[in-house]
Amino acid sequence: MSVSVDTVYQRVLGILNKEQRGYITPQEFNLFANQAQMDLFEQYFYDINQFGRIPGNDTEYSDMLNILNEKINIFETSSSPNRIGNYFILPDNLYRLGSVIYKNETTNSFGVTSTEAIEAERINANEFLYINSSPLTKPQNIRPIFVANSNGIRVYGNSEITEGTDIEIQYIKKPAKVQWKYQNVFGEALYDATYSVDFELHSSEETELVFKILELAGILIKDLSVYQVANSEEQETIQQEKA
């Protein structure tokens, strides 16, 4: 499902060299590649918001919301965060936090222990005092809440939950950093598949990645025509998708 970094690199170089428009180094390509990947990745969420406001269609393979969700699903993951001090620490690769799940363990009158996964409700920090002060809204293990900030998250049930194994978070991770690695052989950069890192985007994004990298390359080599052609192709693709 991923996009080969070498395929994109060779296509970009091929287009630039065909018209003798210049050359970008592997280091420059890696910078452009990561910028292009993040631009496309972040656009998914804006597009979902846009297409969520208009009627879809019943065609299995052309409903835009389904297509966008398929592209985002690649980045859905989960983890059991470690606790430091008062906070469960969020992963470094987190892009958007989804559900926080508390695994509530109970023992019935027969001594049988069972675990129920319960989604915690997210609240703002300034709401906690009011929620916690009322017996009707006070958090319980069967109705947990959590607060998130730059330090991490705090989860409350009957009391503040402090065991990392009792908490699982579901989230959207950032794409891995793209790297086109090479070995220098007789003065030539030879692709090194062992240490290279492919694009994590859906395979359908290959052409769009080429266009975006060419736009950035056109700015670098000060060739406005490269930027204009790549931008025109990109806008045409976007119009087709959103028509």
Protein backbone atom coordinates (compact mmCIF):
# COMPACT_ATOMS: atom_id res chain seq x y z
CA MET A 1 0.00 0.00 0.00
CA SER A 2 2.98 2.35 0.42
CA VAL A 3 4.68 4.40 -2.31
CA SER A 4 8.26 3.56 -3.31
CA VAL A 5 10.56 6.46 -2.51
CA ASP A 6 12.90 5.39 -5.31
CA THR A 7 10.12 5.35 -7.90
CA VAL A 8 9.10 8.89 -6.98
CA TYR A 9 12.72 10.08 -6.93
CA GLN A 10 13.45 8.65 -10.37
CA ARG A 11 10.27 10.14 -11.83
CA VAL A 12 11.11 13.58 -10.43
CA LEU A 13 14.65 13.42 -11.78
CA GLY A 14 13.41 12.09 -15.11
CA ILE A 15 11.01 15.00 -15.61
CA LEU A 16 13.62 17.59 -14.60
CA ASN A 17 16.35 16.11 -16.76
CA LYS A 18 14.12 15.59 -19.80
CA GLU A 19 13.91 19.32 -20.35
CA GLN A 20 17.40 20.03 -18.96
CA ARG A 21 15.77 22.06 -16.22
CA GLY A 22 18.14 21.24 -13.42
CA TYR A 23 18.92 18.69 -10.75
CA ILE A 24 18.07 18.22 -7.09
CA THR A 25 20.33 16.37 -4.68
CA PRO A 26 19.15 13.41 -2.57
CA GLN A 27 19.22 15.68 0.50
CA GLU A 28 17.00 18.24 -1.21
CA PHE A 29 14.68 15.51 -2.45
CA ASN A 30 14.29 14.12 1.08
CA LEU A 31 13.32 17.55 2.40
CA PHE A 32 10.78 18.07 -0.41
CA ALA A 33 9.47 14.51 -0.09
CA ASN A 34 8.65 14.91 3.60
CA GLN A 35 7.03 18.28 3.01
CA ALA A 36 4.91 16.85 0.19
CA GLN A 37 3.89 13.82 2.27
CA MET A 38 2.75 15.97 5.20
CA ASP A 39 0.88 18.38 2.91
CA LEU A 40 -1.13 15.51 1.44
CA PHE A 41 -1.63 13.83 4.81
CA GLU A 42 -2.94 16.98 6.52
CA GLN A 43 -5.25 17.72 3.58
CA TYR A 44 -7.12 14.44 4.23
CA PHE A 45 -8.68 15.87 7.39
CA TYR A 46 -9.81 19.10 5.74
CA ASP A 47 -11.28 17.10 2.85
CA ILE A 48 -13.18 14.81 5.22
CA ASN A 49 -14.71 17.88 6.85
CA GLN A 50 -15.70 19.23 3.42
CA PHE A 51 -17.11 16.01 1.97
CA GLY A 52 -18.91 15.24 5.22
CA ARG A 53 -21.15 18.25 4.55
CA ILE A 54 -22.34 17.09 1.14
CA PRO A 55 -24.29 13.98 0.10
CA GLY A 56 -22.18 10.98 -0.88
CA ASN A 57 -23.08 8.34 -3.41
CA ASP A 58 -23.94 4.65 -3.39
CA THR A 59 -21.05 3.61 -5.63
CA GLU A 60 -18.76 1.38 -3.60
CA TYR A 61 -15.48 2.54 -5.11
CA SER A 62 -16.07 6.24 -5.74
CA ASP A 63 -17.58 7.66 -2.55
CA MET A 64 -15.04 10.29 -1.48
CA LEU A 65 -15.56 9.83 2.26
CA ASN A 66 -14.88 6.10 1.91
CA ILE A 67 -11.77 6.82 -0.17
CA LEU A 68 -10.43 9.33 2.36
CA ASN A 69 -11.12 7.04 5.31
CA GLU A 70 -9.29 4.24 3.51
CA LYS A 71 -6.25 6.52 3.16
CA ILE A 72 -6.37 7.58 6.82
CA ASN A 73 -6.97 4.06 8.15
CA ILE A 74 -3.36 3.23 7.26
CA PHE A 75 -2.29 5.49 10.13
CA GLU A 76 -4.72 4.26 12.80
CA THR A 77 -2.94 2.55 15.68
CA SER A 78 -3.09 2.07 19.44
CA SER A 79 -0.75 1.83 22.43
CA SER A 80 -0.66 1.55 26.22
CA PRO A 81 1.12 4.74 27.32
CA ASN A 82 3.66 4.91 30.12
CA ARG A 83 3.01 7.11 33.10
CA ILE A 84 5.45 9.77 34.31
CA GLY A 85 4.38 11.79 37.34
CA ASN A 86 0.70 12.68 37.01
CA TYR A 87 0.47 12.06 33.27
CA PHE A 88 0.24 9.24 30.78
CA ILE A 89 2.76 10.23 28.11
CA LEU A 90 1.47 10.39 24.54
CA PRO A 91 3.54 8.77 21.75
CA ASP A 92 6.01 10.91 19.80
CA ASN A 93 4.38 9.93 16.51
CA LEU A 94 0.87 11.02 17.57
CA TYR A 95 -0.93 13.28 15.11
CA ARG A 96 -4.50 13.17 16.42
CA LEU A 97 -5.76 11.56 19.60
CA GLY A 98 -8.83 9.38 19.21
CA SER A 99 -10.36 7.27 21.97
CA VAL A 100 -8.96 6.71 25.45
CA ILE A 101 -10.03 3.28 26.70
CA TYR A 102 -10.09 2.33 30.39
CA LYS A 103 -10.04 -1.40 31.14
CA ASN A 104 -12.30 -1.64 34.16
CA GLU A 105 -11.78 -4.81 36.19
CA THR A 106 -14.64 -6.07 38.35
CA THR A 107 -15.26 -9.12 40.52
CA ASN A 108 -18.78 -10.50 40.92
CA SER A 109 -20.33 -12.16 43.97
CA PHE A 110 -18.99 -15.55 42.85
CA GLY A 111 -15.42 -14.27 42.84
CA VAL A 112 -15.18 -14.26 39.03
CA THR A 113 -13.10 -11.38 37.66
CA SER A 114 -13.88 -9.78 34.32
CA THR A 115 -12.56 -6.79 32.39
CA GLU A 116 -14.72 -4.33 30.47
CA ALA A 117 -13.25 -1.81 28.03
CA ILE A 118 -14.90 1.57 28.54
CA GLU A 119 -14.26 4.70 26.49
CA ALA A 120 -13.38 7.69 28.65
CA GLU A 121 -15.06 11.02 27.96
CA ARG A 122 -12.78 13.92 27.12
CA ILE A 123 -13.32 17.15 29.07
CA ASN A 124 -11.52 20.47 29.29
CA ALA A 125 -9.28 21.10 32.29
CA ASN A 126 -11.49 23.96 33.51
CA GLU A 127 -14.52 21.64 33.59
CA PHE A 128 -12.97 19.06 35.90
CA LEU A 129 -13.61 20.94 39.17
CA TYR A 130 -17.33 21.26 38.47
CA ILE A 131 -17.75 17.71 37.17
CA ASN A 132 -15.85 16.21 40.08
CA SER A 133 -17.78 18.19 42.70
CA SER A 134 -21.21 16.76 41.88
CA PRO A 135 -22.24 13.20 42.87
CA LEU A 136 -24.26 12.97 39.63
CA THR A 137 -21.36 13.82 37.28
CA LYS A 138 -18.38 12.70 39.37
CA PRO A 139 -16.26 10.23 37.34
CA GLN A 140 -16.45 6.54 38.17
CA ASN A 141 -14.69 3.45 36.86
CA ILE A 142 -17.83 2.69 34.85
CA ARG A 143 -17.91 6.30 33.58
CA PRO A 144 -14.30 7.54 33.32
CA ILE A 145 -13.15 10.92 32.03
CA PHE A 146 -9.81 12.30 30.88
CA VAL A 147 -8.04 15.63 30.44
CA ALA A 148 -5.37 16.16 27.77
CA ASN A 149 -2.71 18.85 27.48
CA SER A 150 0.86 19.27 26.26
CA ASN A 151 2.15 17.09 29.12
CA GLY A 152 -0.03 14.10 28.25
CA ILE A 153 -3.36 12.84 29.63
CA ARG A 154 -4.84 12.31 33.09
CA VAL A 155 -7.59 9.72 33.49
CA TYR A 156 -10.12 9.64 36.34
CA GLY A 157 -12.50 6.94 37.49
CA ASN A 158 -13.42 6.39 41.14
CA SER A 159 -10.02 8.03 41.69
CA GLU A 160 -7.21 9.11 39.39
CA ILE A 161 -6.10 6.08 37.38
CA THR A 162 -2.38 5.48 37.70
CA GLU A 163 -1.69 2.11 36.07
CA GLY A 164 -0.54 2.30 32.46
CA THR A 165 -1.68 -1.25 31.70
CA ASP A 166 -5.26 -0.17 32.46
CA ILE A 167 -5.22 2.49 29.73
CA GLU A 168 -5.13 2.15 25.96
CA ILE A 169 -5.20 5.03 23.51
CA GLN A 170 -6.29 4.89 19.89
CA TYR A 171 -4.83 7.55 17.64
CA ILE A 172 -3.73 8.65 14.18
CA LYS A 173 0.04 8.52 13.87
CA LYS A 174 2.20 10.79 11.73
CA PRO A 175 3.71 9.31 8.56
CA ALA A 176 7.24 8.01 9.03
CA LYS A 177 10.02 10.32 7.83
CA VAL A 178 10.87 9.59 4.18
CA GLN A 179 14.48 8.85 3.32
CA TRP A 180 16.08 8.17 -0.08
CA LYS A 181 19.38 6.67 1.02
CA TYR A 182 22.29 5.92 -1.28
CA GLN A 183 25.83 4.60 -1.53
CA ASN A 184 28.44 6.64 -3.35
CA VAL A 185 29.81 4.34 -6.09
CA PHE A 186 32.41 5.85 -8.46
CA GLY A 187 31.00 9.31 -7.84
CA GLU A 188 27.39 8.24 -8.51
CA ALA A 189 24.56 8.05 -5.95
CA LEU A 190 23.38 4.42 -6.03
CA TYR A 191 20.02 3.72 -4.34
CA ASP A 192 20.31 1.84 -1.04
CA ALA A 193 17.04 -0.03 -0.43
CA THR A 194 18.21 -1.36 2.94
CA TYR A 195 18.27 1.99 4.70
CA SER A 196 15.72 3.92 2.65
CA VAL A 197 12.23 4.65 3.99
CA ASP A 198 9.25 4.65 1.62
CA PHE A 199 6.29 7.03 1.73
CA GLU A 200 3.60 5.65 4.03
CA LEU A 201 0.78 7.23 2.04
CA HIS A 202 -1.72 5.19 0.04
CA SER A 203 -0.32 3.91 -3.26
CA SER A 204 -2.79 6.09 -5.19
CA GLU A 205 -0.87 9.19 -4.05
CA GLU A 206 2.25 8.45 -6.10
CA THR A 207 1.46 10.89 -8.93
CA GLU A 208 0.36 13.59 -6.51
CA LEU A 209 3.65 13.26 -4.61
CA VAL A 210 5.61 13.72 -7.85
CA PHE A 211 3.66 16.91 -8.67
CA LYS A 212 4.16 18.40 -5.22
CA ILE A 213 7.89 17.65 -5.16
CA LEU A 214 8.27 19.17 -8.64
CA GLU A 215 6.57 22.34 -7.40
CA LEU A 216 9.14 22.66 -4.63
CA ALA A 217 11.98 21.76 -6.99
CA GLY A 218 10.85 24.45 -9.44
CA ILE A 219 11.17 27.05 -6.68
CA LEU A 220 14.63 25.74 -5.74
CA ILE A 221 16.06 25.78 -9.26
CA LYS A 222 14.28 29.07 -10.01
CA ASP A 223 12.41 27.62 -12.96
CA LEU A 224 8.89 29.01 -12.85
CA SER A 225 7.72 26.75 -15.68
CA VAL A 226 8.39 23.61 -13.62
CA TYR A 227 6.34 25.00 -10.75
CA GLN A 228 3.52 26.11 -13.05
CA VAL A 229 3.26 22.79 -14.90
CA ALA A 230 3.33 20.73 -11.69
CA ASN A 231 0.85 23.04 -9.96
CA SER A 232 -1.48 22.92 -12.98
CA GLU A 233 -1.44 19.12 -12.99
CA GLU A 234 -2.07 19.03 -9.25
CA GLN A 235 -5.01 21.44 -9.48
CA GLU A 236 -6.51 19.40 -12.32
CA THR A 237 -6.33 16.27 -10.17
CA ILE A 238 -7.94 18.06 -7.21
CA GLN A 239 -10.76 19.38 -9.42
CA GLN A 240 -11.45 15.87 -10.73
CA GLU A 241 -11.62 14.51 -7.19
CA LYS A 242 -13.96 17.23 -5.95
CA ALA A 243 -16.15 17.65 -8.99
